[in-house]
Amino acid sequence: MPSVETIPINLAKLVNAGDLECECMACHLPLDVRHGPVEWRLTWRFPGPYPEPGVETMLLCDPCYRDWVEHPDELGGFPSSSHRV
């Protein structure tokens, strides 16, 4: 099997350059409001059964991050880990 070369990604450089957009999967911001810059990396645990149990990691702007961590009961899961990027 051929080896796969791993190319390291400098997340801080991409964030500082503004090249990343908020990846909120359940955004509650009004449609006419723009997301701010990505500030957080949030890993969220979905216990299931819908859609299925699992873990997802999202890069989020501050308003979306606050929404996820302040209202986990509405979003069907709980934060597993988070940190500023």
N, C-alpha and C. Protein backbone atom coordinates (compact mmCIF):
# COMPACT_ATOMS: atom_id res chain seq x y z
N MET A 1 0.84 -1.16 0.00
CA MET A 1 0.00 0.00 0.00
C MET A 1 0.90 1.24 0.00
N PRO A 2 0.64 2.22 -0.87
CA PRO A 2 1.49 3.40 -0.91
C PRO A 2 1.31 4.25 0.35
N SER A 3 2.39 4.90 0.74
CA SER A 3 2.30 5.73 1.94
C SER A 3 1.62 7.05 1.59
N VAL A 4 0.91 7.59 2.57
CA VAL A 4 0.23 8.86 2.39
C VAL A 4 1.01 9.90 3.17
N GLU A 5 1.43 10.94 2.47
CA GLU A 5 2.18 12.00 3.14
C GLU A 5 1.20 12.92 3.85
N THR A 6 1.48 13.20 5.11
CA THR A 6 0.64 14.10 5.88
C THR A 6 1.23 15.50 5.80
N ILE A 7 0.40 16.43 5.37
CA ILE A 7 0.84 17.81 5.26
C ILE A 7 0.29 18.56 6.47
N PRO A 8 1.17 19.08 7.32
CA PRO A 8 0.68 19.78 8.51
C PRO A 8 -0.05 21.07 8.12
N ILE A 9 -1.11 21.37 8.84
CA ILE A 9 -1.89 22.58 8.60
C ILE A 9 -1.64 23.54 9.76
N ASN A 10 -1.27 24.76 9.44
CA ASN A 10 -1.07 25.77 10.45
C ASN A 10 -2.41 26.49 10.65
N LEU A 11 -3.20 25.99 11.61
CA LEU A 11 -4.53 26.52 11.85
C LEU A 11 -4.49 27.99 12.25
N ALA A 12 -3.55 28.36 13.08
CA ALA A 12 -3.44 29.76 13.52
C ALA A 12 -3.20 30.69 12.33
N LYS A 13 -2.37 30.27 11.40
CA LYS A 13 -2.09 31.09 10.21
C LYS A 13 -3.35 31.27 9.37
N LEU A 14 -4.12 30.20 9.18
CA LEU A 14 -5.36 30.28 8.41
C LEU A 14 -6.39 31.17 9.10
N VAL A 15 -6.49 31.03 10.43
CA VAL A 15 -7.44 31.85 11.18
C VAL A 15 -7.05 33.32 11.09
N ASN A 16 -5.78 33.62 11.31
CA ASN A 16 -5.31 35.00 11.28
C ASN A 16 -5.45 35.63 9.89
N ALA A 17 -5.37 34.83 8.86
CA ALA A 17 -5.51 35.34 7.50
C ALA A 17 -6.98 35.52 7.12
N GLY A 18 -7.88 35.03 7.97
CA GLY A 18 -9.31 35.14 7.67
C GLY A 18 -9.77 34.17 6.61
N ASP A 19 -9.02 33.09 6.40
CA ASP A 19 -9.33 32.13 5.34
C ASP A 19 -10.35 31.06 5.77
N LEU A 20 -10.76 31.08 7.02
CA LEU A 20 -11.70 30.06 7.50
C LEU A 20 -13.04 30.70 7.84
N GLU A 21 -14.12 29.99 7.54
CA GLU A 21 -15.46 30.46 7.86
C GLU A 21 -16.03 29.61 8.98
N CYS A 22 -16.96 30.19 9.71
CA CYS A 22 -17.65 29.49 10.79
C CYS A 22 -18.32 28.23 10.23
N GLU A 23 -18.17 27.12 10.94
CA GLU A 23 -18.72 25.84 10.50
C GLU A 23 -19.93 25.41 11.33
N CYS A 24 -20.66 26.35 11.88
CA CYS A 24 -21.81 26.05 12.73
C CYS A 24 -22.81 25.16 11.99
N MET A 25 -23.16 24.03 12.60
CA MET A 25 -24.09 23.09 11.97
C MET A 25 -25.54 23.38 12.32
N ALA A 26 -25.79 24.25 13.29
CA ALA A 26 -27.16 24.56 13.72
C ALA A 26 -27.23 26.03 14.08
N CYS A 27 -26.95 26.87 13.12
CA CYS A 27 -26.81 28.30 13.37
C CYS A 27 -28.16 28.96 13.67
N HIS A 28 -28.16 29.77 14.73
CA HIS A 28 -29.35 30.51 15.11
C HIS A 28 -29.23 32.00 14.78
N LEU A 29 -28.15 32.39 14.11
CA LEU A 29 -28.01 33.80 13.73
C LEU A 29 -29.02 34.14 12.63
N PRO A 30 -29.59 35.34 12.66
CA PRO A 30 -30.48 35.74 11.57
C PRO A 30 -29.74 35.68 10.23
N LEU A 31 -30.47 35.43 9.16
CA LEU A 31 -29.85 35.26 7.85
C LEU A 31 -29.09 36.48 7.37
N ASP A 32 -29.49 37.67 7.81
CA ASP A 32 -28.82 38.88 7.35
C ASP A 32 -27.61 39.27 8.22
N VAL A 33 -27.30 38.46 9.24
CA VAL A 33 -26.15 38.73 10.11
C VAL A 33 -24.97 37.89 9.67
N ARG A 34 -23.84 38.54 9.47
CA ARG A 34 -22.62 37.82 9.07
C ARG A 34 -21.94 37.23 10.29
N HIS A 35 -21.35 36.08 10.10
CA HIS A 35 -20.56 35.47 11.17
C HIS A 35 -19.29 36.27 11.38
N GLY A 36 -18.82 36.28 12.61
CA GLY A 36 -17.54 36.91 12.89
C GLY A 36 -16.42 35.97 12.50
N PRO A 37 -15.20 36.35 12.81
CA PRO A 37 -14.07 35.46 12.49
C PRO A 37 -14.10 34.20 13.36
N VAL A 38 -13.50 33.16 12.85
CA VAL A 38 -13.38 31.92 13.62
C VAL A 38 -12.51 32.19 14.84
N GLU A 39 -13.02 31.83 16.02
CA GLU A 39 -12.28 32.02 17.26
C GLU A 39 -12.16 30.76 18.10
N TRP A 40 -13.01 29.77 17.82
CA TRP A 40 -13.08 28.58 18.68
C TRP A 40 -13.04 27.30 17.88
N ARG A 41 -12.48 26.29 18.49
CA ARG A 41 -12.57 24.91 17.99
C ARG A 41 -13.34 24.14 19.05
N LEU A 42 -14.50 23.64 18.67
CA LEU A 42 -15.39 22.95 19.60
C LEU A 42 -15.60 21.52 19.14
N THR A 43 -15.38 20.58 20.04
CA THR A 43 -15.68 19.17 19.76
C THR A 43 -16.95 18.84 20.54
N TRP A 44 -17.93 18.36 19.83
CA TRP A 44 -19.26 18.12 20.37
C TRP A 44 -19.60 16.64 20.30
N ARG A 45 -20.11 16.12 21.40
CA ARG A 45 -20.50 14.70 21.45
C ARG A 45 -22.02 14.61 21.32
N PHE A 46 -22.46 13.86 20.30
CA PHE A 46 -23.87 13.58 20.09
C PHE A 46 -24.14 12.17 20.63
N PRO A 47 -24.92 12.04 21.71
CA PRO A 47 -25.14 10.71 22.27
C PRO A 47 -26.07 9.82 21.45
N GLY A 48 -26.83 10.40 20.53
CA GLY A 48 -27.74 9.61 19.70
C GLY A 48 -29.08 9.47 20.39
N PRO A 49 -30.00 8.78 19.82
CA PRO A 49 -29.86 7.95 18.63
C PRO A 49 -29.98 8.71 17.32
N TYR A 50 -30.44 9.98 17.31
CA TYR A 50 -30.63 10.70 16.05
C TYR A 50 -29.55 11.73 15.86
N PRO A 51 -28.95 11.92 14.74
CA PRO A 51 -29.03 11.01 13.61
C PRO A 51 -28.29 9.71 13.90
N GLU A 52 -27.22 9.79 14.65
CA GLU A 52 -26.53 8.62 15.18
C GLU A 52 -25.51 9.13 16.19
N PRO A 53 -25.12 8.30 17.14
CA PRO A 53 -24.12 8.74 18.11
C PRO A 53 -22.81 9.08 17.41
N GLY A 54 -22.11 10.06 17.94
CA GLY A 54 -20.83 10.41 17.34
C GLY A 54 -20.25 11.68 17.90
N VAL A 55 -19.15 12.10 17.31
CA VAL A 55 -18.43 13.29 17.73
C VAL A 55 -18.13 14.11 16.49
N GLU A 56 -18.32 15.42 16.58
CA GLU A 56 -17.99 16.33 15.49
C GLU A 56 -17.16 17.48 16.04
N THR A 57 -16.24 17.98 15.24
CA THR A 57 -15.44 19.14 15.60
C THR A 57 -15.76 20.26 14.62
N MET A 58 -16.01 21.45 15.18
CA MET A 58 -16.37 22.61 14.36
C MET A 58 -15.47 23.78 14.71
N LEU A 59 -15.14 24.60 13.73
CA LEU A 59 -14.48 25.88 13.94
C LEU A 59 -15.58 26.92 13.94
N LEU A 60 -15.69 27.70 15.04
CA LEU A 60 -16.84 28.57 15.22
C LEU A 60 -16.46 30.01 15.53
N CYS A 61 -17.34 30.92 15.10
CA CYS A 61 -17.22 32.31 15.53
C CYS A 61 -17.73 32.37 16.98
N ASP A 62 -17.46 33.47 17.67
CA ASP A 62 -17.82 33.55 19.08
C ASP A 62 -19.32 33.44 19.34
N PRO A 63 -20.21 34.13 18.59
CA PRO A 63 -21.65 33.98 18.86
C PRO A 63 -22.14 32.54 18.70
N CYS A 64 -21.68 31.84 17.69
CA CYS A 64 -22.10 30.45 17.49
C CYS A 64 -21.55 29.55 18.59
N TYR A 65 -20.29 29.76 18.98
CA TYR A 65 -19.71 28.98 20.06
C TYR A 65 -20.52 29.16 21.34
N ARG A 66 -20.83 30.40 21.67
CA ARG A 66 -21.62 30.69 22.89
C ARG A 66 -22.97 30.00 22.83
N ASP A 67 -23.59 30.00 21.67
CA ASP A 67 -24.89 29.34 21.51
C ASP A 67 -24.79 27.85 21.81
N TRP A 68 -23.76 27.20 21.27
CA TRP A 68 -23.58 25.77 21.50
C TRP A 68 -23.34 25.46 22.97
N VAL A 69 -22.44 26.18 23.63
CA VAL A 69 -22.09 25.82 25.01
C VAL A 69 -23.11 26.30 26.03
N GLU A 70 -23.90 27.32 25.68
CA GLU A 70 -24.91 27.82 26.62
C GLU A 70 -26.26 27.13 26.47
N HIS A 71 -26.49 26.40 25.36
CA HIS A 71 -27.79 25.75 25.13
C HIS A 71 -27.62 24.32 24.63
N PRO A 72 -26.85 23.50 25.33
CA PRO A 72 -26.64 22.14 24.82
C PRO A 72 -27.92 21.32 24.75
N ASP A 73 -28.89 21.60 25.64
CA ASP A 73 -30.13 20.84 25.63
C ASP A 73 -30.91 21.04 24.33
N GLU A 74 -30.79 22.21 23.71
CA GLU A 74 -31.48 22.49 22.46
C GLU A 74 -30.77 21.87 21.25
N LEU A 75 -29.50 21.55 21.41
CA LEU A 75 -28.70 21.10 20.27
C LEU A 75 -28.40 19.60 20.30
N GLY A 76 -28.91 18.90 21.28
CA GLY A 76 -28.82 17.45 21.29
C GLY A 76 -27.44 16.88 21.53
N GLY A 77 -26.80 17.28 22.58
CA GLY A 77 -25.49 16.74 22.91
C GLY A 77 -24.82 17.57 23.97
N PHE A 78 -23.51 17.47 24.01
CA PHE A 78 -22.76 18.22 25.00
C PHE A 78 -21.33 18.43 24.50
N PRO A 79 -20.69 19.52 24.99
CA PRO A 79 -19.31 19.78 24.55
C PRO A 79 -18.36 18.74 25.14
N SER A 80 -17.49 18.23 24.29
CA SER A 80 -16.47 17.28 24.72
C SER A 80 -15.18 18.02 25.06
N SER A 81 -14.85 19.02 24.23
CA SER A 81 -13.68 19.87 24.48
C SER A 81 -13.79 21.12 23.63
N SER A 82 -13.08 22.16 24.05
CA SER A 82 -13.04 23.37 23.24
C SER A 82 -11.79 24.17 23.61
N HIS A 83 -11.35 24.97 22.66
CA HIS A 83 -10.24 25.89 22.92
C HIS A 83 -10.24 26.98 21.86
N ARG A 84 -9.65 28.10 22.23
CA ARG A 84 -9.51 29.20 21.27
C ARG A 84 -8.45 28.84 20.24
N VAL A 85 -8.68 29.30 19.02
CA VAL A 85 -7.70 29.06 17.96
C VAL A 85 -6.99 30.34 17.62
